[in-house]
């Protein structure tokens, strides 16, 4: 993952929890807390699409 928050191509397919700007961006985008995001990535991996689906089910 690149450290440059302006790069959005491949970065948007994977969630990099070690990048604070990505954690902020993903929690805003997915409508979840940082804890929920970290739990989802721990449970299923860092694929943005899989995390999105996982959280959609969990946050119903």
Protein backbone atom coordinates (compact mmCIF):
# COMPACT_ATOMS: atom_id res chain seq x y z
CA UNK A 1 0.00 0.00 0.00
CA UNK A 2 1.23 3.42 -0.81
CA UNK A 3 1.51 6.05 1.87
CA UNK A 4 0.20 8.73 -0.47
CA UNK A 5 -3.48 9.40 0.36
CA UNK A 6 -3.93 10.87 -3.13
CA UNK A 7 -3.37 7.47 -4.76
CA UNK A 8 -6.75 5.79 -5.01
CA UNK A 9 -6.56 3.14 -7.73
CA UNK A 10 -5.33 -0.15 -6.27
CA UNK A 11 -5.55 1.23 -2.74
CA UNK A 12 -9.33 1.17 -2.95
CA UNK A 13 -9.40 -2.62 -3.40
CA UNK A 14 -7.56 -3.40 -0.17
CA UNK A 15 -7.84 -1.97 3.32
CA UNK A 16 -4.53 -1.04 4.94
CA UNK A 17 -5.11 -0.80 8.68
CA UNK A 18 -1.57 0.44 9.27
CA UNK A 19 -2.35 3.68 7.39
CA UNK A 20 -4.32 6.11 9.61
CA UNK A 21 -5.73 8.04 6.63
CA UNK A 22 -7.07 4.80 5.15
CA UNK A 23 -8.68 3.73 8.42
CA UNK A 24 -10.40 7.14 8.62
CA UNK A 25 -11.48 6.97 5.00
CA UNK A 26 -12.83 3.42 5.25
CA UNK A 27 -14.75 4.02 8.49
CA UNK A 28 -16.41 7.05 6.91
CA UNK A 29 -17.11 5.24 3.65
CA UNK A 30 -18.47 2.10 5.29
CA UNK A 31 -20.32 3.82 8.12
CA UNK A 32 -18.62 1.81 10.84
CA UNK A 33 -16.32 2.33 13.78
CA UNK A 34 -12.60 1.64 13.69
CA UNK A 35 -13.16 -1.38 15.96
CA UNK A 36 -15.80 -2.78 13.61
CA UNK A 37 -13.48 -2.27 10.65
CA UNK A 38 -10.55 -3.95 12.39
CA UNK A 39 -12.76 -6.86 13.50
CA UNK A 40 -14.04 -7.34 9.94
CA UNK A 41 -10.53 -7.34 8.46
CA UNK A 42 -9.39 -9.78 11.14
CA UNK A 43 -12.35 -12.07 10.40
CA UNK A 44 -12.21 -12.15 6.60
CA UNK A 45 -9.14 -10.32 5.31
CA UNK A 46 -8.48 -6.92 3.80
CA UNK A 47 -10.46 -7.12 0.56
CA UNK A 48 -12.58 -3.97 0.51
CA UNK A 49 -15.49 -5.68 -1.24
CA UNK A 50 -15.56 -8.60 1.21
CA UNK A 51 -15.34 -6.26 4.19
CA UNK A 52 -18.18 -4.17 2.73
CA UNK A 53 -20.38 -7.27 2.42
CA UNK A 54 -19.40 -8.55 5.86
CA UNK A 55 -20.24 -5.24 7.53
CA UNK A 56 -23.51 -4.93 5.62
CA UNK A 57 -24.61 -8.20 7.21
CA UNK A 58 -23.25 -7.40 10.67
CA UNK A 59 -24.63 -3.86 10.84
CA UNK A 60 -28.19 -4.69 9.75
